[in-house]
Amino acid sequence: MSAAAPEGWLASQGRWMIGDALRVVVAASVPLVWVAAGAPAAAAMLLALGGAMALRFARMPVATDVVGQAVLLGGAWFAALGTFEIVPWLDTLTHFASGAVLALLTRELLLQARLLPHADDRRAATARALHTSTAVLLLGFLWELGEWAGHALITVDIRVGYEDTMLDLAADLAGAIVAATAVELAARRRR
């Protein structure tokens, strides 16, 4: 007797993808970071795991999937190990790279949900880039709000401040704009 093939969205995910090996590393990093740096750092790593899983479920191209996971994993480990305090510019670079990764992911998810125009004209491309960048800015704002809440309610070890927050949001937005624009230009060249 043979088992019936699973149908629907879950079946479309397949059993294993190339990037799943790195997802295992991200998942294993959650308890490791908890032991090494405490619960707030583990919460940040858990968010990185959420991003890594979202990249899988969005079925991003392999290179985007692996690089995106590496950026999210690296950023979470940098934060956990206090690297941003030692190399301050790395925080801005990480926010820029994360903004770019989130832009690619957000664009794909919004397109799949049919919340962005699918037309091939310049106006639709501009709308996609604008909506994608705005969504990433909102995600960055929510991240910064979470950092502030963690600082205010959990531990003062979570670094917050007006200049840091503004620079982080600007880097998130800059990364999103660069990635959203690049993907639209690349799509236009392929036509």
C-alpha atoms as a PDB file:
ATOM      1  CA  MET A   1       0.000   0.000   0.000  1.00  0.00           C
ATOM      2  CA  SER A   2       1.466   3.342  -1.007  1.00  0.00           C
ATOM      3  CA  ALA A   3       0.935   6.536   0.907  1.00  0.00           C
ATOM      4  CA  ALA A   4      -0.856   9.339  -0.885  1.00  0.00           C
ATOM      5  CA  ALA A   5       1.337  12.267  -1.865  1.00  0.00           C
ATOM      6  CA  PRO A   6       0.805  15.298   0.368  1.00  0.00           C
ATOM      7  CA  GLU A   7      -0.871  18.188  -1.373  1.00  0.00           C
ATOM      8  CA  GLY A   8      -0.895  21.936  -1.023  1.00  0.00           C
ATOM      9  CA  TRP A   9       1.486  24.525   0.318  1.00  0.00           C
ATOM     10  CA  LEU A  10       3.411  22.258   2.697  1.00  0.00           C
ATOM     11  CA  ALA A  11       4.115  19.749  -0.045  1.00  0.00           C
ATOM     12  CA  SER A  12       5.425  22.546  -2.257  1.00  0.00           C
ATOM     13  CA  GLN A  13       8.170  23.154   0.298  1.00  0.00           C
ATOM     14  CA  GLY A  14       9.844  19.850  -0.517  1.00  0.00           C
ATOM     15  CA  ARG A  15      11.770  17.739   1.914  1.00  0.00           C
ATOM     16  CA  TRP A  16      15.211  19.378   1.973  1.00  0.00           C
ATOM     17  CA  MET A  17      16.632  22.431   0.305  1.00  0.00           C
ATOM     18  CA  ILE A  18      20.287  23.437  -0.017  1.00  0.00           C
ATOM     19  CA  GLY A  19      19.912  26.257   2.519  1.00  0.00           C
ATOM     20  CA  ASP A  20      18.406  23.972   5.166  1.00  0.00           C
ATOM     21  CA  ALA A  21      21.864  23.052   6.479  1.00  0.00           C
ATOM     22  CA  LEU A  22      22.401  26.681   7.465  1.00  0.00           C
ATOM     23  CA  ARG A  23      18.883  26.823   8.952  1.00  0.00           C
ATOM     24  CA  VAL A  24      19.941  23.983  11.266  1.00  0.00           C
ATOM     25  CA  VAL A  25      22.922  26.120  12.345  1.00  0.00           C
ATOM     26  CA  VAL A  26      20.600  29.078  13.006  1.00  0.00           C
ATOM     27  CA  ALA A  27      18.234  26.858  15.031  1.00  0.00           C
ATOM     28  CA  ALA A  28      21.128  25.368  17.034  1.00  0.00           C
ATOM     29  CA  SER A  29      22.389  28.898  17.696  1.00  0.00           C
ATOM     30  CA  VAL A  30      19.275  29.831  19.706  1.00  0.00           C
ATOM     31  CA  PRO A  31      20.138  27.735  22.802  1.00  0.00           C
ATOM     32  CA  LEU A  32      23.869  28.366  22.323  1.00  0.00           C
ATOM     33  CA  VAL A  33      23.324  32.120  22.388  1.00  0.00           C
ATOM     34  CA  TRP A  34      21.035  31.754  25.410  1.00  0.00           C
ATOM     35  CA  VAL A  35      23.850  30.049  27.325  1.00  0.00           C
ATOM     36  CA  ALA A  36      26.554  32.418  26.041  1.00  0.00           C
ATOM     37  CA  ALA A  37      24.738  35.745  26.246  1.00  0.00           C
ATOM     38  CA  GLY A  38      21.335  35.351  27.891  1.00  0.00           C
ATOM     39  CA  ALA A  39      17.663  35.479  26.995  1.00  0.00           C
ATOM     40  CA  PRO A  40      17.590  38.826  25.107  1.00  0.00           C
ATOM     41  CA  ALA A  41      20.322  37.593  22.738  1.00  0.00           C
ATOM     42  CA  ALA A  42      18.450  34.299  22.316  1.00  0.00           C
ATOM     43  CA  ALA A  43      15.310  36.257  21.424  1.00  0.00           C
ATOM     44  CA  ALA A  44      17.260  38.098  18.716  1.00  0.00           C
ATOM     45  CA  MET A  45      18.566  34.759  17.404  1.00  0.00           C
ATOM     46  CA  LEU A  46      15.020  33.415  17.410  1.00  0.00           C
ATOM     47  CA  LEU A  47      14.048  36.335  15.176  1.00  0.00           C
ATOM     48  CA  ALA A  48      16.964  35.437  12.887  1.00  0.00           C
ATOM     49  CA  LEU A  49      15.587  31.888  12.771  1.00  0.00           C
ATOM     50  CA  GLY A  50      12.182  33.301  11.831  1.00  0.00           C
ATOM     51  CA  GLY A  51      13.799  35.188   8.968  1.00  0.00           C
ATOM     52  CA  ALA A  52      15.695  32.080   7.881  1.00  0.00           C
ATOM     53  CA  MET A  53      12.462  30.093   7.812  1.00  0.00           C
ATOM     54  CA  ALA A  54      10.638  32.880   5.953  1.00  0.00           C
ATOM     55  CA  LEU A  55      13.350  32.753   3.265  1.00  0.00           C
ATOM     56  CA  ARG A  56      12.628  29.035   2.889  1.00  0.00           C
ATOM     57  CA  PHE A  57       8.873  29.365   2.740  1.00  0.00           C
ATOM     58  CA  ALA A  58       9.130  32.190   0.203  1.00  0.00           C
ATOM     59  CA  ARG A  59      11.211  29.821  -1.978  1.00  0.00           C
ATOM     60  CA  MET A  60      13.922  32.399  -2.547  1.00  0.00           C
ATOM     61  CA  PRO A  61      16.708  31.552  -5.001  1.00  0.00           C
ATOM     62  CA  VAL A  62      19.475  29.495  -3.370  1.00  0.00           C
ATOM     63  CA  ALA A  63      22.022  32.333  -3.355  1.00  0.00           C
ATOM     64  CA  THR A  64      19.525  34.791  -1.831  1.00  0.00           C
ATOM     65  CA  ASP A  65      18.456  32.186   0.717  1.00  0.00           C
ATOM     66  CA  VAL A  66      21.989  31.324   1.868  1.00  0.00           C
ATOM     67  CA  VAL A  67      23.336  34.893   1.851  1.00  0.00           C
ATOM     68  CA  GLY A  68      20.185  36.138   3.593  1.00  0.00           C
ATOM     69  CA  GLN A  69      20.530  33.534   6.317  1.00  0.00           C
ATOM     70  CA  ALA A  70      24.225  34.327   6.736  1.00  0.00           C
ATOM     71  CA  VAL A  71      23.439  38.035   7.165  1.00  0.00           C
ATOM     72  CA  LEU A  72      20.719  37.364   9.755  1.00  0.00           C
ATOM     73  CA  LEU A  73      22.808  34.762  11.594  1.00  0.00           C
ATOM     74  CA  GLY A  74      25.907  36.959  11.570  1.00  0.00           C
ATOM     75  CA  GLY A  75      23.998  39.976  12.844  1.00  0.00           C
ATOM     76  CA  ALA A  76      22.459  38.010  15.700  1.00  0.00           C
ATOM     77  CA  TRP A  77      25.818  36.520  16.711  1.00  0.00           C
ATOM     78  CA  PHE A  78      27.542  39.929  16.447  1.00  0.00           C
ATOM     79  CA  ALA A  79      24.932  41.355  18.817  1.00  0.00           C
ATOM     80  CA  ALA A  80      25.203  38.412  21.223  1.00  0.00           C
ATOM     81  CA  LEU A  81      28.989  38.595  21.389  1.00  0.00           C
ATOM     82  CA  GLY A  82      29.107  42.376  21.821  1.00  0.00           C
ATOM     83  CA  THR A  83      30.900  42.864  18.506  1.00  0.00           C
ATOM     84  CA  PHE A  84      28.951  46.040  17.721  1.00  0.00           C
ATOM     85  CA  GLU A  85      30.484  47.717  20.769  1.00  0.00           C
ATOM     86  CA  ILE A  86      33.989  46.778  19.624  1.00  0.00           C
ATOM     87  CA  VAL A  87      33.441  47.581  15.908  1.00  0.00           C
ATOM     88  CA  PRO A  88      30.684  50.241  15.878  1.00  0.00           C
ATOM     89  CA  TRP A  89      30.465  50.598  12.068  1.00  0.00           C
ATOM     90  CA  LEU A  90      29.576  46.899  11.846  1.00  0.00           C
ATOM     91  CA  ASP A  91      26.154  47.675  13.358  1.00  0.00           C
ATOM     92  CA  THR A  92      25.380  50.076  10.500  1.00  0.00           C
ATOM     93  CA  LEU A  93      26.676  47.627   7.890  1.00  0.00           C
ATOM     94  CA  THR A  94      24.594  44.822   9.406  1.00  0.00           C
ATOM     95  CA  HIS A  95      21.456  46.982   9.344  1.00  0.00           C
ATOM     96  CA  PHE A  96      22.153  47.884   5.710  1.00  0.00           C
ATOM     97  CA  ALA A  97      22.621  44.216   4.757  1.00  0.00           C
ATOM     98  CA  SER A  98      19.592  43.128   6.795  1.00  0.00           C
ATOM     99  CA  GLY A  99      17.507  45.840   5.138  1.00  0.00           C
ATOM    100  CA  ALA A 100      18.551  44.494   1.740  1.00  0.00           C
ATOM    101  CA  VAL A 101      17.722  40.892   2.704  1.00  0.00           C
ATOM    102  CA  LEU A 102      14.370  41.922   4.148  1.00  0.00           C
ATOM    103  CA  ALA A 103      13.593  43.913   1.006  1.00  0.00           C
ATOM    104  CA  LEU A 104      14.126  40.868  -1.214  1.00  0.00           C
ATOM    105  CA  LEU A 105      12.077  38.685   1.122  1.00  0.00           C
ATOM    106  CA  THR A 106       9.311  41.243   1.628  1.00  0.00           C
ATOM    107  CA  ARG A 107       9.033  41.925  -2.100  1.00  0.00           C
ATOM    108  CA  GLU A 108       8.674  38.222  -2.836  1.00  0.00           C
ATOM    109  CA  LEU A 109       6.099  37.637  -0.099  1.00  0.00           C
ATOM    110  CA  LEU A 110       4.052  40.681  -1.147  1.00  0.00           C
ATOM    111  CA  LEU A 111       4.153  39.559  -4.785  1.00  0.00           C
ATOM    112  CA  GLN A 112       3.050  36.038  -3.820  1.00  0.00           C
ATOM    113  CA  ALA A 113       0.190  37.517  -1.787  1.00  0.00           C
ATOM    114  CA  ARG A 114      -0.710  39.720  -4.778  1.00  0.00           C
ATOM    115  CA  LEU A 115      -0.292  42.854  -2.657  1.00  0.00           C
ATOM    116  CA  LEU A 116       2.090  44.430  -5.195  1.00  0.00           C
ATOM    117  CA  PRO A 117       1.397  45.187  -8.852  1.00  0.00           C
ATOM    118  CA  HIS A 118       2.654  42.550 -11.289  1.00  0.00           C
ATOM    119  CA  ALA A 119       2.756  44.785 -14.356  1.00  0.00           C
ATOM    120  CA  ASP A 120       5.994  45.218 -16.293  1.00  0.00           C
ATOM    121  CA  ASP A 121       5.867  49.002 -16.677  1.00  0.00           C
ATOM    122  CA  ARG A 122       8.030  51.583 -14.922  1.00  0.00           C
ATOM    123  CA  ARG A 123       5.162  52.818 -12.723  1.00  0.00           C
ATOM    124  CA  ALA A 124       4.528  49.328 -11.316  1.00  0.00           C
ATOM    125  CA  ALA A 125       8.262  48.807 -10.747  1.00  0.00           C
ATOM    126  CA  THR A 126       8.451  52.103  -8.853  1.00  0.00           C
ATOM    127  CA  ALA A 127       5.406  51.130  -6.773  1.00  0.00           C
ATOM    128  CA  ARG A 128       6.964  47.757  -5.905  1.00  0.00           C
ATOM    129  CA  ALA A 129      10.255  49.370  -4.858  1.00  0.00           C
ATOM    130  CA  LEU A 130       8.475  52.020  -2.815  1.00  0.00           C
ATOM    131  CA  HIS A 131       6.112  49.630  -1.035  1.00  0.00           C
ATOM    132  CA  THR A 132       8.917  47.159  -0.368  1.00  0.00           C
ATOM    133  CA  SER A 133      11.205  49.847   1.086  1.00  0.00           C
ATOM    134  CA  THR A 134       8.380  51.234   3.223  1.00  0.00           C
ATOM    135  CA  ALA A 135       7.603  47.753   4.563  1.00  0.00           C
ATOM    136  CA  VAL A 136      11.269  47.255   5.496  1.00  0.00           C
ATOM    137  CA  LEU A 137      11.307  50.639   7.241  1.00  0.00           C
ATOM    138  CA  LEU A 138       8.261  49.508   9.255  1.00  0.00           C
ATOM    139  CA  LEU A 139      10.039  46.257  10.168  1.00  0.00           C
ATOM    140  CA  GLY A 140      13.097  48.276  11.197  1.00  0.00           C
ATOM    141  CA  PHE A 141      10.905  50.515  13.342  1.00  0.00           C
ATOM    142  CA  LEU A 142       9.374  47.466  15.042  1.00  0.00           C
ATOM    143  CA  TRP A 143      12.883  46.088  15.665  1.00  0.00           C
ATOM    144  CA  GLU A 144      14.006  49.374  17.220  1.00  0.00           C
ATOM    145  CA  LEU A 145      10.824  49.496  19.318  1.00  0.00           C
ATOM    146  CA  GLY A 146      11.635  45.979  20.537  1.00  0.00           C
ATOM    147  CA  GLU A 147      15.174  47.064  21.422  1.00  0.00           C
ATOM    148  CA  TRP A 148      13.816  50.021  23.367  1.00  0.00           C
ATOM    149  CA  ALA A 149      11.300  47.793  25.202  1.00  0.00           C
ATOM    150  CA  GLY A 150      14.054  45.293  25.996  1.00  0.00           C
ATOM    151  CA  HIS A 151      16.231  48.104  27.347  1.00  0.00           C
ATOM    152  CA  ALA A 152      13.404  49.622  29.388  1.00  0.00           C
ATOM    153  CA  LEU A 153      11.802  46.417  30.665  1.00  0.00           C
ATOM    154  CA  ILE A 154      14.453  43.685  30.662  1.00  0.00           C
ATOM    155  CA  THR A 155      18.067  44.861  30.767  1.00  0.00           C
ATOM    156  CA  VAL A 156      19.993  48.073  30.251  1.00  0.00           C
ATOM    157  CA  ASP A 157      22.636  45.979  28.475  1.00  0.00           C
ATOM    158  CA  ILE A 158      20.585  46.369  25.292  1.00  0.00           C
ATOM    159  CA  ARG A 159      22.090  49.433  23.660  1.00  0.00           C
ATOM    160  CA  VAL A 160      19.609  52.104  22.650  1.00  0.00           C
ATOM    161  CA  GLY A 161      19.852  55.794  21.977  1.00  0.00           C
ATOM    162  CA  TYR A 162      18.500  58.379  19.616  1.00  0.00           C
ATOM    163  CA  GLU A 163      21.538  58.484  17.309  1.00  0.00           C
ATOM    164  CA  ASP A 164      21.882  54.692  17.230  1.00  0.00           C
ATOM    165  CA  THR A 165      18.177  54.254  16.439  1.00  0.00           C
ATOM    166  CA  MET A 166      18.162  56.880  13.679  1.00  0.00           C
ATOM    167  CA  LEU A 167      21.331  55.474  12.115  1.00  0.00           C
ATOM    168  CA  ASP A 168      19.929  51.928  12.266  1.00  0.00           C
ATOM    169  CA  LEU A 169      16.669  52.998  10.598  1.00  0.00           C
ATOM    170  CA  ALA A 170      18.533  54.967   7.924  1.00  0.00           C
ATOM    171  CA  ALA A 171      20.746  51.944   7.201  1.00  0.00           C
ATOM    172  CA  ASP A 172      17.697  49.626   7.058  1.00  0.00           C
ATOM    173  CA  LEU A 173      16.014  51.959   4.581  1.00  0.00           C
ATOM    174  CA  ALA A 174      19.161  52.465   2.492  1.00  0.00           C
ATOM    175  CA  GLY A 175      19.679  48.697   2.208  1.00  0.00           C
ATOM    176  CA  ALA A 176      16.035  48.231   1.264  1.00  0.00           C
ATOM    177  CA  ILE A 177      16.133  50.944  -1.401  1.00  0.00           C
ATOM    178  CA  VAL A 178      19.336  49.559  -2.939  1.00  0.00           C
ATOM    179  CA  ALA A 179      18.007  45.979  -3.020  1.00  0.00           C
ATOM    180  CA  ALA A 180      14.505  46.919  -4.204  1.00  0.00           C
ATOM    181  CA  THR A 181      15.907  49.130  -6.959  1.00  0.00           C
ATOM    182  CA  ALA A 182      18.490  46.537  -8.014  1.00  0.00           C
ATOM    183  CA  VAL A 183      15.924  43.753  -8.308  1.00  0.00           C
ATOM    184  CA  GLU A 184      13.615  45.952 -10.384  1.00  0.00           C
ATOM    185  CA  LEU A 185      16.469  47.027 -12.685  1.00  0.00           C
ATOM    186  CA  ALA A 186      17.579  43.396 -13.080  1.00  0.00           C
ATOM    187  CA  ALA A 187      14.027  42.335 -13.936  1.00  0.00           C
ATOM    188  CA  ARG A 188      13.781  45.149 -16.477  1.00  0.00           C
ATOM    189  CA  ARG A 189      17.042  44.046 -18.167  1.00  0.00           C
ATOM    190  CA  ARG A 190      15.787  40.457 -18.433  1.00  0.00           C
ATOM    191  CA  ARG A 191      12.739  41.587 -20.445  1.00  0.00           C
END
